[in-house]
Structure formats: structure tokens, C-alpha cells
Amino acid sequence: MPAHIPAPTQPVGRFQPPDVRRRQILDAVAALLLEDGYEALTVSKVAARAGVAKGTVYLYFDSKQELLAALQAQMWERMLEHPASLLGLPDLNWTDRLDGLVAAWVAAEQDHHELYHRLFHERGASGEEPLTAARDLLVTILAAGHEAGEFDVPDPELTADFLTHAYAGPCHHHAGTDLTPAIQALFRRVVAARTSTEHQQE
């Protein structure tokens, strides 16, 4: 099993809290997707891998498709939850927020690249990718940073389209290398980032 996928936790005793049981089941789904792909995934295999009865899986998820949707939702959170939370922190400048977004994206791409592919790109799998929502979040950051005078981005949407796709290449070709600082620097260069203090001094 790949190192970045936690081993399914075997139940201790007959009953487990719902959140623990749900996590067991989704960990099993992730491991099976990486090993055999979506087409080979079955609820019976998930139950066996998670160490629960097949009926227990159906207490939490109605179908194989619902299992997949729940795992996709976890991937959404990895890519979006933390960067989105940075928007509400008044002490951060827009470059800090952009850096936080890039760090989350690089982590998701490098730590979960194969799982992401299985979840969203493999034949038989379906669901809206986090990419669209991630791109919209980047547009928000770029537009606000431009308005604040920290970025020089006359067209936030076009710039976001470029950056959303550009970061994945280095992650793919340099797996195992921490590229976060380098990619953050590239993003800052593209948007001509400067702090609000530098803007005020002009």
C-alpha cells in the first residue's frame, strides 16, 4: 500500500463512533482504488478491506458511486478548505493568501497525485473536479490583490486559467521534491506581487 494512504484501522470491539467507522471505510476505498482502479471496486471488497460487514458499509453509503463521491469531497477539502479560510484572516496580505493557496495545491498534487487521477480521470469515475472551484478561488485572490495594489493582474480570470494548469507540470515531473517555495515564487512573479507596505511607500 502506498505510504501516503493510511492503513485501514481494524475495529476494536463491535461498535465504533460513526466518524471513525466512516474514515475506516473511506481509507479502504482509497487503498483499493490505488491498487485495482475504479472498475474493480466493489462494496464487498471495501467491507473486507475495512474489516466491517458489507451491511455496515451500506449504513453509511448507498452505493459504490456514493463511496466515490465521499472520497472526492475529501479531495476538495484538501485543495480548498485551508486556502479559503485564509480569506477571512485580516492580518494576511494577498501575497500570503496566494502562497497559502499554492502550498495546498502542491501538497494535494504531490501527496495524492495517483489518487486524484483515479478519482476524477479514470474511466467509469464521475464527479466535478476541485479544479473549477480552485480556479474560482484563485480568481478571487488575484482580483482582490490587484484591487489592493499588491498584484499587477489586469485580467484575473485569464491569469488564473494559466496558473491553475501551470503548477501541475512541475509537480508531476519532480515527484518527491518539495517544490512549494519555487512554485510560490513563480506565482508571485507572474502576478508581479508586492506587499501592501511596498505599495503604500510609492
N, C-alpha and C. Protein backbone atom coordinates (compact mmCIF):
# COMPACT_ATOMS: atom_id res chain seq x y z
N MET A 1 0.86 -1.21 0.00
CA MET A 1 0.00 0.00 0.00
C MET A 1 0.88 1.23 0.00
N PRO A 2 0.59 2.24 -0.83
CA PRO A 2 1.42 3.46 -0.84
C PRO A 2 1.50 4.09 0.53
N ALA A 3 2.68 4.68 0.81
CA ALA A 3 2.92 5.19 2.16
C ALA A 3 1.97 6.30 2.54
N HIS A 4 1.47 7.08 1.57
CA HIS A 4 0.65 8.24 1.92
C HIS A 4 -0.80 7.87 2.16
N ILE A 5 -1.17 6.59 1.95
CA ILE A 5 -2.53 6.16 2.24
C ILE A 5 -2.51 5.40 3.56
N PRO A 6 -3.22 5.87 4.58
CA PRO A 6 -3.18 5.20 5.87
C PRO A 6 -3.76 3.80 5.79
N ALA A 7 -3.16 2.87 6.52
CA ALA A 7 -3.69 1.52 6.56
C ALA A 7 -5.05 1.54 7.24
N PRO A 8 -6.04 0.82 6.68
CA PRO A 8 -7.35 0.81 7.31
C PRO A 8 -7.26 0.35 8.75
N THR A 9 -7.91 1.06 9.60
CA THR A 9 -7.90 0.74 11.03
C THR A 9 -8.88 -0.38 11.31
N GLN A 10 -8.41 -1.44 11.89
CA GLN A 10 -9.29 -2.54 12.22
C GLN A 10 -10.13 -2.19 13.44
N PRO A 11 -11.39 -2.55 13.45
CA PRO A 11 -12.25 -2.18 14.55
C PRO A 11 -11.83 -2.82 15.86
N VAL A 12 -11.94 -2.06 16.91
CA VAL A 12 -11.67 -2.56 18.25
C VAL A 12 -13.02 -2.70 18.93
N GLY A 13 -13.43 -3.94 19.13
CA GLY A 13 -14.77 -4.15 19.65
C GLY A 13 -15.78 -4.09 18.52
N ARG A 14 -17.02 -4.28 18.85
CA ARG A 14 -18.04 -4.39 17.82
C ARG A 14 -18.51 -3.03 17.31
N PHE A 15 -18.48 -2.02 18.16
CA PHE A 15 -19.03 -0.72 17.78
C PHE A 15 -17.92 0.32 17.74
N GLN A 16 -18.04 1.22 16.78
CA GLN A 16 -17.11 2.33 16.63
C GLN A 16 -17.92 3.60 16.43
N PRO A 17 -17.40 4.76 16.87
CA PRO A 17 -18.09 6.02 16.58
C PRO A 17 -18.28 6.17 15.07
N PRO A 18 -19.37 6.80 14.65
CA PRO A 18 -19.64 6.92 13.22
C PRO A 18 -18.51 7.56 12.41
N ASP A 19 -17.86 8.59 12.97
CA ASP A 19 -16.80 9.23 12.20
C ASP A 19 -15.59 8.31 12.02
N VAL A 20 -15.31 7.48 13.03
CA VAL A 20 -14.21 6.52 12.92
C VAL A 20 -14.54 5.45 11.89
N ARG A 21 -15.76 4.93 11.96
CA ARG A 21 -16.18 3.90 11.02
C ARG A 21 -16.18 4.44 9.59
N ARG A 22 -16.67 5.65 9.42
CA ARG A 22 -16.71 6.25 8.09
C ARG A 22 -15.29 6.42 7.54
N ARG A 23 -14.38 6.85 8.40
CA ARG A 23 -13.00 7.03 7.96
C ARG A 23 -12.37 5.69 7.59
N GLN A 24 -12.66 4.63 8.35
CA GLN A 24 -12.18 3.29 8.01
C GLN A 24 -12.61 2.90 6.61
N ILE A 25 -13.86 3.14 6.32
CA ILE A 25 -14.43 2.74 5.03
C ILE A 25 -13.78 3.52 3.90
N LEU A 26 -13.64 4.85 4.07
CA LEU A 26 -13.06 5.66 3.00
C LEU A 26 -11.57 5.39 2.82
N ASP A 27 -10.86 5.07 3.90
CA ASP A 27 -9.46 4.66 3.78
C ASP A 27 -9.35 3.39 2.94
N ALA A 28 -10.29 2.50 3.15
CA ALA A 28 -10.30 1.25 2.37
C ALA A 28 -10.58 1.54 0.90
N VAL A 29 -11.51 2.44 0.62
CA VAL A 29 -11.81 2.82 -0.77
C VAL A 29 -10.57 3.38 -1.45
N ALA A 30 -9.87 4.29 -0.77
CA ALA A 30 -8.67 4.91 -1.34
C ALA A 30 -7.61 3.86 -1.66
N ALA A 31 -7.39 2.95 -0.74
CA ALA A 31 -6.38 1.91 -0.95
C ALA A 31 -6.74 1.01 -2.13
N LEU A 32 -8.00 0.63 -2.23
CA LEU A 32 -8.43 -0.25 -3.32
C LEU A 32 -8.39 0.46 -4.67
N LEU A 33 -8.74 1.74 -4.69
CA LEU A 33 -8.65 2.49 -5.95
C LEU A 33 -7.21 2.52 -6.46
N LEU A 34 -6.27 2.74 -5.56
CA LEU A 34 -4.87 2.80 -5.96
C LEU A 34 -4.36 1.45 -6.42
N GLU A 35 -4.86 0.39 -5.83
CA GLU A 35 -4.38 -0.94 -6.18
C GLU A 35 -5.01 -1.47 -7.47
N ASP A 36 -6.33 -1.31 -7.60
CA ASP A 36 -7.04 -2.01 -8.67
C ASP A 36 -7.84 -1.10 -9.61
N GLY A 37 -8.04 0.18 -9.25
CA GLY A 37 -8.81 1.07 -10.09
C GLY A 37 -10.30 1.04 -9.79
N TYR A 38 -11.01 1.96 -10.43
CA TYR A 38 -12.43 2.14 -10.14
C TYR A 38 -13.29 0.96 -10.59
N GLU A 39 -13.03 0.44 -11.78
CA GLU A 39 -13.89 -0.61 -12.32
C GLU A 39 -13.89 -1.85 -11.44
N ALA A 40 -12.77 -2.15 -10.79
CA ALA A 40 -12.66 -3.35 -9.96
C ALA A 40 -13.21 -3.14 -8.55
N LEU A 41 -13.54 -1.90 -8.21
CA LEU A 41 -14.01 -1.60 -6.86
C LEU A 41 -15.42 -2.15 -6.64
N THR A 42 -15.61 -2.83 -5.53
CA THR A 42 -16.94 -3.30 -5.14
C THR A 42 -17.15 -3.02 -3.66
N VAL A 43 -18.42 -2.96 -3.27
CA VAL A 43 -18.73 -2.73 -1.86
C VAL A 43 -18.23 -3.89 -1.01
N SER A 44 -18.29 -5.10 -1.55
CA SER A 44 -17.80 -6.27 -0.80
C SER A 44 -16.31 -6.16 -0.52
N LYS A 45 -15.54 -5.72 -1.52
CA LYS A 45 -14.10 -5.55 -1.32
C LYS A 45 -13.81 -4.45 -0.30
N VAL A 46 -14.59 -3.38 -0.37
CA VAL A 46 -14.41 -2.28 0.59
C VAL A 46 -14.67 -2.77 2.00
N ALA A 47 -15.74 -3.53 2.18
CA ALA A 47 -16.08 -4.04 3.51
C ALA A 47 -14.97 -4.94 4.04
N ALA A 48 -14.47 -5.83 3.18
CA ALA A 48 -13.41 -6.74 3.62
C ALA A 48 -12.15 -5.97 3.98
N ARG A 49 -11.81 -4.97 3.18
CA ARG A 49 -10.59 -4.19 3.43
C ARG A 49 -10.73 -3.37 4.71
N ALA A 50 -11.92 -2.85 4.97
CA ALA A 50 -12.14 -2.03 6.16
C ALA A 50 -12.35 -2.87 7.41
N GLY A 51 -12.56 -4.17 7.25
CA GLY A 51 -12.78 -5.02 8.41
C GLY A 51 -14.16 -4.89 9.00
N VAL A 52 -15.16 -4.62 8.13
CA VAL A 52 -16.54 -4.48 8.58
C VAL A 52 -17.44 -5.35 7.72
N ALA A 53 -18.67 -5.53 8.17
CA ALA A 53 -19.64 -6.27 7.37
C ALA A 53 -20.10 -5.42 6.19
N LYS A 54 -20.50 -6.09 5.13
CA LYS A 54 -20.98 -5.36 3.95
C LYS A 54 -22.17 -4.47 4.30
N GLY A 55 -23.04 -4.96 5.19
CA GLY A 55 -24.19 -4.17 5.60
C GLY A 55 -23.79 -2.89 6.31
N THR A 56 -22.63 -2.92 7.00
CA THR A 56 -22.16 -1.72 7.68
C THR A 56 -21.80 -0.63 6.69
N VAL A 57 -21.19 -1.02 5.58
CA VAL A 57 -20.87 -0.03 4.55
C VAL A 57 -22.13 0.66 4.07
N TYR A 58 -23.21 -0.13 3.89
CA TYR A 58 -24.46 0.44 3.39
C TYR A 58 -25.17 1.31 4.42
N LEU A 59 -24.78 1.20 5.68
CA LEU A 59 -25.32 2.13 6.68
C LEU A 59 -24.83 3.56 6.45
N TYR A 60 -23.66 3.67 5.83
CA TYR A 60 -23.04 4.98 5.61
C TYR A 60 -23.12 5.44 4.16
N PHE A 61 -23.12 4.50 3.24
CA PHE A 61 -23.08 4.84 1.82
C PHE A 61 -24.03 3.93 1.06
N ASP A 62 -24.83 4.52 0.18
CA ASP A 62 -25.85 3.75 -0.53
C ASP A 62 -25.31 2.97 -1.71
N SER A 63 -24.15 3.35 -2.22
CA SER A 63 -23.67 2.72 -3.44
C SER A 63 -22.17 2.94 -3.61
N LYS A 64 -21.61 2.27 -4.59
CA LYS A 64 -20.22 2.47 -4.97
C LYS A 64 -19.99 3.92 -5.40
N GLN A 65 -20.96 4.48 -6.12
CA GLN A 65 -20.84 5.87 -6.57
C GLN A 65 -20.82 6.83 -5.40
N GLU A 66 -21.58 6.53 -4.36
CA GLU A 66 -21.60 7.41 -3.18
C GLU A 66 -20.28 7.32 -2.41
N LEU A 67 -19.68 6.15 -2.39
CA LEU A 67 -18.36 5.99 -1.79
C LEU A 67 -17.35 6.89 -2.52
N LEU A 68 -17.42 6.84 -3.83
CA LEU A 68 -16.50 7.65 -4.63
C LEU A 68 -16.74 9.13 -4.38
N ALA A 69 -18.00 9.55 -4.33
CA ALA A 69 -18.33 10.96 -4.12
C ALA A 69 -17.80 11.45 -2.78
N ALA A 70 -17.87 10.61 -1.75
CA ALA A 70 -17.38 11.00 -0.43
C ALA A 70 -15.86 11.18 -0.44
N LEU A 71 -15.18 10.32 -1.17
CA LEU A 71 -13.72 10.44 -1.27
C LEU A 71 -13.34 11.66 -2.10
N GLN A 72 -14.12 11.93 -3.13
CA GLN A 72 -13.89 13.14 -3.92
C GLN A 72 -14.06 14.40 -3.06
N ALA A 73 -15.06 14.37 -2.17
CA ALA A 73 -15.29 15.51 -1.28
C ALA A 73 -14.09 15.74 -0.37
N GLN A 74 -13.45 14.66 0.08
CA GLN A 74 -12.24 14.81 0.89
C GLN A 74 -11.14 15.51 0.09
N MET A 75 -11.02 15.18 -1.19
CA MET A 75 -10.01 15.80 -2.02
C MET A 75 -10.30 17.29 -2.20
N TRP A 76 -11.57 17.61 -2.35
CA TRP A 76 -11.98 19.02 -2.41
C TRP A 76 -11.46 19.77 -1.18
N GLU A 77 -11.67 19.18 0.00
CA GLU A 77 -11.27 19.84 1.24
C GLU A 77 -9.76 20.06 1.28
N ARG A 78 -9.00 19.07 0.82
CA ARG A 78 -7.54 19.21 0.84
C ARG A 78 -7.09 20.39 -0.02
N MET A 79 -7.77 20.59 -1.15
CA MET A 79 -7.35 21.63 -2.08
C MET A 79 -7.92 23.01 -1.76
N LEU A 80 -9.05 23.05 -1.05
CA LEU A 80 -9.78 24.31 -0.94
C LEU A 80 -10.01 24.82 0.47
N GLU A 81 -10.15 23.92 1.44
CA GLU A 81 -10.60 24.35 2.76
C GLU A 81 -9.63 25.34 3.40
N HIS A 82 -8.35 24.98 3.45
CA HIS A 82 -7.38 25.88 4.09
C HIS A 82 -7.19 27.18 3.31
N PRO A 83 -6.98 27.12 1.99
CA PRO A 83 -6.83 28.39 1.25
C PRO A 83 -8.04 29.31 1.40
N ALA A 84 -9.25 28.72 1.40
CA ALA A 84 -10.46 29.55 1.54
C ALA A 84 -10.50 30.21 2.91
N SER A 85 -10.02 29.50 3.94
CA SER A 85 -10.05 30.06 5.29
C SER A 85 -9.12 31.26 5.41
N LEU A 86 -8.08 31.33 4.57
CA LEU A 86 -7.14 32.45 4.63
C LEU A 86 -7.78 33.77 4.22
N LEU A 87 -8.86 33.70 3.45
CA LEU A 87 -9.53 34.93 3.01
C LEU A 87 -10.09 35.71 4.19
N GLY A 88 -10.41 34.99 5.27
CA GLY A 88 -11.02 35.65 6.43
C GLY A 88 -10.03 36.12 7.48
N LEU A 89 -8.73 36.01 7.20
CA LEU A 89 -7.72 36.43 8.17
C LEU A 89 -7.22 37.83 7.81
N PRO A 90 -7.63 38.85 8.57
CA PRO A 90 -7.32 40.24 8.18
C PRO A 90 -5.84 40.60 8.26
N ASP A 91 -5.05 39.85 9.05
CA ASP A 91 -3.64 40.20 9.21
C ASP A 91 -2.78 39.75 8.02
N LEU A 92 -3.33 38.96 7.12
CA LEU A 92 -2.57 38.48 5.98
C LEU A 92 -2.70 39.43 4.80
N ASN A 93 -1.61 39.60 4.08
CA ASN A 93 -1.72 40.33 2.81
C ASN A 93 -2.09 39.34 1.71
N TRP A 94 -2.31 39.83 0.50
CA TRP A 94 -2.79 38.96 -0.57
C TRP A 94 -1.70 38.03 -1.08
N THR A 95 -0.45 38.41 -0.92
CA THR A 95 0.65 37.50 -1.28
C THR A 95 0.68 36.32 -0.33
N ASP A 96 0.46 36.57 0.97
CA ASP A 96 0.39 35.47 1.94
C ASP A 96 -0.74 34.50 1.58
N ARG A 97 -1.87 35.04 1.19
CA ARG A 97 -3.01 34.20 0.82
C ARG A 97 -2.70 33.40 -0.44
N LEU A 98 -2.05 34.04 -1.39
CA LEU A 98 -1.66 33.33 -2.61
C LEU A 98 -0.68 32.22 -2.29
N ASP A 99 0.29 32.49 -1.43
CA ASP A 99 1.25 31.46 -1.02
C ASP A 99 0.55 30.28 -0.35
N GLY A 100 -0.46 30.57 0.48
CA GLY A 100 -1.20 29.50 1.15
C GLY A 100 -1.95 28.63 0.17
N LEU A 101 -2.54 29.26 -0.83
CA LEU A 101 -3.24 28.51 -1.87
C LEU A 101 -2.28 27.60 -2.62
N VAL A 102 -1.13 28.14 -3.02
CA VAL A 102 -0.16 27.35 -3.77
C VAL A 102 0.33 26.16 -2.93
N ALA A 103 0.60 26.39 -1.65
CA ALA A 103 1.07 25.32 -0.78
C ALA A 103 0.06 24.18 -0.71
N ALA A 104 -1.23 24.53 -0.60
CA ALA A 104 -2.27 23.50 -0.53
C ALA A 104 -2.37 22.73 -1.84
N TRP A 105 -2.28 23.44 -2.95
CA TRP A 105 -2.36 22.78 -4.26
C TRP A 105 -1.18 21.84 -4.50
N VAL A 106 0.01 22.30 -4.18
CA VAL A 106 1.19 21.47 -4.40
C VAL A 106 1.13 20.22 -3.52
N ALA A 107 0.70 20.39 -2.27
CA ALA A 107 0.58 19.24 -1.37
C ALA A 107 -0.41 18.22 -1.91
N ALA A 108 -1.55 18.69 -2.39
CA ALA A 108 -2.57 17.78 -2.92
C ALA A 108 -2.04 17.08 -4.17
N GLU A 109 -1.34 17.80 -5.02
CA GLU A 109 -0.84 17.22 -6.27
C GLU A 109 0.26 16.20 -6.00
N GLN A 110 1.20 16.54 -5.12
CA GLN A 110 2.34 15.66 -4.89
C GLN A 110 2.02 14.50 -3.96
N ASP A 111 1.20 14.75 -2.95
CA ASP A 111 0.91 13.71 -1.97
C ASP A 111 -0.19 12.76 -2.44
N HIS A 112 -1.06 13.24 -3.32
CA HIS A 112 -2.21 12.43 -3.71
C HIS A 112 -2.41 12.40 -5.22
N HIS A 113 -1.32 12.48 -5.98
CA HIS A 113 -1.43 12.59 -7.43
C HIS A 113 -2.17 11.39 -8.04
N GLU A 114 -1.74 10.19 -7.68
CA GLU A 114 -2.35 8.99 -8.27
C GLU A 114 -3.80 8.83 -7.84
N LEU A 115 -4.08 9.12 -6.58
CA LEU A 115 -5.46 9.02 -6.10
C LEU A 115 -6.34 10.03 -6.81
N TYR A 116 -5.84 11.24 -7.00
CA TYR A 116 -6.60 12.27 -7.72
C TYR A 116 -6.95 11.77 -9.12
N HIS A 117 -5.98 11.19 -9.79
CA HIS A 117 -6.23 10.68 -11.14
C HIS A 117 -7.31 9.60 -11.13
N ARG A 118 -7.21 8.69 -10.17
CA ARG A 118 -8.20 7.61 -10.11
C ARG A 118 -9.59 8.16 -9.79
N LEU A 119 -9.66 9.17 -8.97
CA LEU A 119 -10.95 9.70 -8.56
C LEU A 119 -11.66 10.48 -9.66
N PHE A 120 -10.90 11.21 -10.47
CA PHE A 120 -11.53 12.15 -11.39
C PHE A 120 -11.30 11.86 -12.87
N HIS A 121 -10.27 11.09 -13.18
CA HIS A 121 -9.92 10.93 -14.59
C HIS A 121 -10.10 9.51 -15.10
N GLU A 122 -10.18 8.54 -14.22
CA GLU A 122 -10.28 7.15 -14.69
C GLU A 122 -11.64 6.87 -15.28
N ARG A 123 -11.66 6.06 -16.32
CA ARG A 123 -12.91 5.70 -16.96
C ARG A 123 -13.85 5.06 -15.96
N GLY A 124 -15.09 5.52 -15.93
CA GLY A 124 -16.08 4.99 -15.00
C GLY A 124 -16.30 5.90 -13.82
N ALA A 125 -15.27 6.65 -13.44
CA ALA A 125 -15.42 7.60 -12.35
C ALA A 125 -16.09 8.86 -12.87
N SER A 126 -16.85 9.49 -12.02
CA SER A 126 -17.52 10.73 -12.42
C SER A 126 -17.58 11.66 -11.22
N GLY A 127 -17.75 12.94 -11.51
CA GLY A 127 -17.82 13.92 -10.43
C GLY A 127 -17.09 15.17 -10.85
N GLU A 128 -17.52 16.29 -10.30
CA GLU A 128 -16.90 17.57 -10.63
C GLU A 128 -15.56 17.69 -9.93
N GLU A 129 -14.54 18.02 -10.69
CA GLU A 129 -13.20 18.15 -10.12
C GLU A 129 -13.11 19.39 -9.23
N PRO A 130 -12.24 19.34 -8.22
CA PRO A 130 -11.99 20.53 -7.42
C PRO A 130 -11.35 21.65 -8.24
N LEU A 131 -10.84 21.31 -9.43
CA LEU A 131 -10.11 22.28 -10.21
C LEU A 131 -10.93 23.53 -10.51
N THR A 132 -12.21 23.36 -10.82
CA THR A 132 -13.04 24.50 -11.16
C THR A 132 -13.19 25.44 -9.97
N ALA A 133 -13.50 24.88 -8.81
CA ALA A 133 -13.65 25.69 -7.61
C ALA A 133 -12.30 26.29 -7.19
N ALA A 134 -11.22 25.53 -7.39
CA ALA A 134 -9.89 26.05 -7.07
C ALA A 134 -9.55 27.24 -7.94
N ARG A 135 -9.88 27.14 -9.22
CA ARG A 135 -9.63 28.24 -10.14
C ARG A 135 -10.44 29.47 -9.74
N ASP A 136 -11.70 29.27 -9.34
CA ASP A 136 -12.54 30.40 -8.92
C ASP A 136 -11.97 31.08 -7.67
N LEU A 137 -11.43 30.27 -6.75
CA LEU A 137 -10.82 30.84 -5.56
C LEU A 137 -9.59 31.65 -5.92
N LEU A 138 -8.81 31.15 -6.87
CA LEU A 138 -7.63 31.90 -7.31
C LEU A 138 -8.03 33.22 -7.97
N VAL A 139 -9.09 33.20 -8.77
CA VAL A 139 -9.58 34.44 -9.38
C VAL A 139 -9.92 35.46 -8.30
N THR A 140 -10.58 35.02 -7.24
CA THR A 140 -10.95 35.91 -6.13
C THR A 140 -9.71 36.55 -5.52
N ILE A 141 -8.68 35.74 -5.27
CA ILE A 141 -7.45 36.25 -4.65
C ILE A 141 -6.74 37.22 -5.58
N LEU A 142 -6.65 36.87 -6.86
CA LEU A 142 -5.94 37.74 -7.81
C LEU A 142 -6.67 39.06 -7.99
N ALA A 143 -8.00 39.02 -8.10
CA ALA A 143 -8.77 40.25 -8.30
C ALA A 143 -8.65 41.17 -7.08
N ALA A 144 -8.76 40.57 -5.89
CA ALA A 144 -8.66 41.37 -4.68
C ALA A 144 -7.25 41.93 -4.49
N GLY A 145 -6.23 41.11 -4.81
CA GLY A 145 -4.86 41.58 -4.71
C GLY A 145 -4.56 42.70 -5.69
N HIS A 146 -5.13 42.60 -6.88
CA HIS A 146 -4.97 43.66 -7.87
C HIS A 146 -5.64 44.95 -7.40
N GLU A 147 -6.84 44.81 -6.85
CA GLU A 147 -7.58 45.97 -6.35
C GLU A 147 -6.83 46.64 -5.20
N ALA A 148 -6.15 45.82 -4.38
CA ALA A 148 -5.40 46.37 -3.24
C ALA A 148 -4.04 46.95 -3.66
N GLY A 149 -3.66 46.76 -4.91
CA GLY A 149 -2.40 47.29 -5.39
C GLY A 149 -1.22 46.37 -5.12
N GLU A 150 -1.49 45.15 -4.67
CA GLU A 150 -0.41 44.20 -4.38
C GLU A 150 -0.02 43.38 -5.60
N PHE A 151 -0.94 43.19 -6.52
CA PHE A 151 -0.67 42.43 -7.75
C PHE A 151 -0.91 43.34 -8.96
N ASP A 152 -0.23 43.01 -10.04
CA ASP A 152 -0.49 43.67 -11.32
C ASP A 152 -1.12 42.63 -12.24
N VAL A 153 -2.44 42.49 -12.12
CA VAL A 153 -3.17 41.44 -12.85
C VAL A 153 -4.40 42.07 -13.50
N PRO A 154 -4.24 42.67 -14.67
CA PRO A 154 -5.40 43.31 -15.32
C PRO A 154 -6.51 42.32 -15.67
N ASP A 155 -6.15 41.07 -15.93
CA ASP A 155 -7.14 40.05 -16.29
C ASP A 155 -7.02 38.87 -15.33
N PRO A 156 -7.66 38.93 -14.16
CA PRO A 156 -7.54 37.86 -13.17
C PRO A 156 -7.99 36.50 -13.69
N GLU A 157 -9.02 36.47 -14.52
CA GLU A 157 -9.54 35.18 -14.99
C GLU A 157 -8.56 34.49 -15.93
N LEU A 158 -8.01 35.21 -16.88
CA LEU A 158 -7.02 34.64 -17.80
C LEU A 158 -5.77 34.19 -17.04
N THR A 159 -5.33 35.02 -16.11
CA THR A 159 -4.15 34.67 -15.32
C THR A 159 -4.40 33.43 -14.48
N ALA A 160 -5.60 33.32 -13.90
CA ALA A 160 -5.95 32.15 -13.10
C ALA A 160 -6.00 30.90 -13.97
N ASP A 161 -6.53 31.02 -15.18
CA ASP A 161 -6.55 29.87 -16.09
C ASP A 161 -5.14 29.36 -16.36
N PHE A 162 -4.22 30.28 -16.58
CA PHE A 162 -2.84 29.91 -16.84
C PHE A 162 -2.21 29.24 -15.62
N LEU A 163 -2.32 29.87 -14.47
CA LEU A 163 -1.66 29.37 -13.26
C LEU A 163 -2.27 28.06 -12.76
N THR A 164 -3.57 27.92 -12.92
CA THR A 164 -4.24 26.70 -12.43
C THR A 164 -3.68 25.46 -13.11
N HIS A 165 -3.32 25.59 -14.38
CA HIS A 165 -2.80 24.43 -15.10
C HIS A 165 -1.27 24.36 -15.06
N ALA A 166 -0.62 25.49 -14.89
CA ALA A 166 0.83 25.53 -14.98
C ALA A 166 1.52 24.82 -13.81
N TYR A 167 0.93 24.86 -12.62
CA TYR A 167 1.63 24.33 -11.44
C TYR A 167 1.74 22.80 -11.47
N ALA A 168 0.82 22.13 -12.16
CA ALA A 168 0.77 20.67 -12.10
C ALA A 168 1.97 20.02 -12.80
N GLY A 169 2.46 20.64 -13.87
CA GLY A 169 3.58 20.05 -14.60
C GLY A 169 4.81 19.82 -13.76
N PRO A 170 5.33 20.86 -13.09
CA PRO A 170 6.49 20.64 -12.23
C PRO A 170 6.25 19.58 -11.15
N CYS A 171 5.07 19.57 -10.57
CA CYS A 171 4.76 18.57 -9.53
C CYS A 171 4.85 17.17 -10.10
N HIS A 172 4.35 17.00 -11.31
CA HIS A 172 4.35 15.68 -11.94
C HIS A 172 5.76 15.22 -12.29
N HIS A 173 6.57 16.13 -12.79
CA HIS A 173 7.90 15.75 -13.27
C HIS A 173 8.96 15.74 -12.17
N HIS A 174 8.63 16.28 -11.00
CA HIS A 174 9.59 16.31 -9.90
C HIS A 174 8.97 15.71 -8.64
N ALA A 175 8.30 14.59 -8.79
CA ALA A 175 7.67 13.92 -7.65
C ALA A 175 8.72 13.60 -6.60
N GLY A 176 8.37 13.82 -5.34
CA GLY A 176 9.30 13.54 -4.26
C GLY A 176 10.17 14.72 -3.88
N THR A 177 10.09 15.80 -4.63
CA THR A 177 10.85 17.02 -4.33
C THR A 177 9.89 18.09 -3.85
N ASP A 178 10.26 18.77 -2.77
CA ASP A 178 9.41 19.84 -2.25
C ASP A 178 9.58 21.08 -3.13
N LEU A 179 8.60 21.30 -3.99
CA LEU A 179 8.66 22.42 -4.93
C LEU A 179 7.88 23.64 -4.45
N THR A 180 7.33 23.57 -3.25
CA THR A 180 6.44 24.64 -2.80
C THR A 180 7.07 26.02 -2.87
N PRO A 181 8.25 26.24 -2.29
CA PRO A 181 8.83 27.60 -2.36
C PRO A 181 9.07 28.07 -3.78
N ALA A 182 9.55 27.18 -4.65
CA ALA A 182 9.84 27.57 -6.03
C ALA A 182 8.57 27.93 -6.79
N ILE A 183 7.51 27.14 -6.60
CA ILE A 183 6.26 27.42 -7.31
C ILE A 183 5.59 28.67 -6.74
N GLN A 184 5.69 28.87 -5.43
CA GLN A 184 5.17 30.12 -4.85
C GLN A 184 5.88 31.33 -5.46
N ALA A 185 7.20 31.23 -5.64
CA ALA A 185 7.96 32.34 -6.23
C ALA A 185 7.54 32.58 -7.67
N LEU A 186 7.28 31.52 -8.42
CA LEU A 186 6.83 31.66 -9.80
C LEU A 186 5.46 32.34 -9.88
N PHE A 187 4.54 31.92 -8.99
CA PHE A 187 3.22 32.56 -8.95
C PHE A 187 3.36 34.05 -8.65
N ARG A 188 4.21 34.39 -7.67
CA ARG A 188 4.38 35.80 -7.30
C ARG A 188 4.94 36.60 -8.48
N ARG A 189 5.87 35.97 -9.21
CA ARG A 189 6.47 36.66 -10.35
C ARG A 189 5.43 36.92 -11.44
N VAL A 190 4.58 35.94 -11.70
CA VAL A 190 3.56 36.10 -12.75
C VAL A 190 2.60 37.24 -12.42
N VAL A 191 2.25 37.36 -11.14
CA VAL A 191 1.27 38.40 -10.75
C VAL A 191 1.96 39.69 -10.31
N ALA A 192 3.30 39.74 -10.45
CA ALA A 192 4.06 40.93 -10.03
C ALA A 192 3.71 41.31 -8.60
N ALA A 193 3.80 40.33 -7.70
CA ALA A 193 3.36 40.53 -6.32
C ALA A 193 4.27 41.51 -5.58
N ARG A 194 3.65 42.36 -4.79
CA ARG A 194 4.35 43.25 -3.88
C ARG A 194 3.46 43.42 -2.67
N THR A 195 4.02 43.64 -1.52
CA THR A 195 3.23 43.76 -0.30
C THR A 195 2.51 45.09 -0.28
N SER A 196 1.48 45.16 0.54
CA SER A 196 0.74 46.42 0.68
C SER A 196 1.62 47.53 1.23
N THR A 197 2.64 47.19 2.04
CA THR A 197 3.56 48.19 2.57
C THR A 197 4.37 48.82 1.44
N GLU A 198 4.85 47.97 0.53
CA GLU A 198 5.60 48.48 -0.61
C GLU A 198 4.72 49.40 -1.47
N HIS A 199 3.45 49.03 -1.62
CA HIS A 199 2.52 49.84 -2.41
C HIS A 199 2.32 51.21 -1.76
N GLN A 200 2.21 51.24 -0.42
CA GLN A 200 1.97 52.49 0.28
C GLN A 200 3.18 53.42 0.21
N GLN A 201 4.39 52.86 0.09
CA GLN A 201 5.60 53.65 0.08
C GLN A 201 5.83 54.35 -1.26
N GLU A 202 5.12 53.93 -2.29
CA GLU A 202 5.32 54.53 -3.61
C GLU A 202 4.68 55.91 -3.70
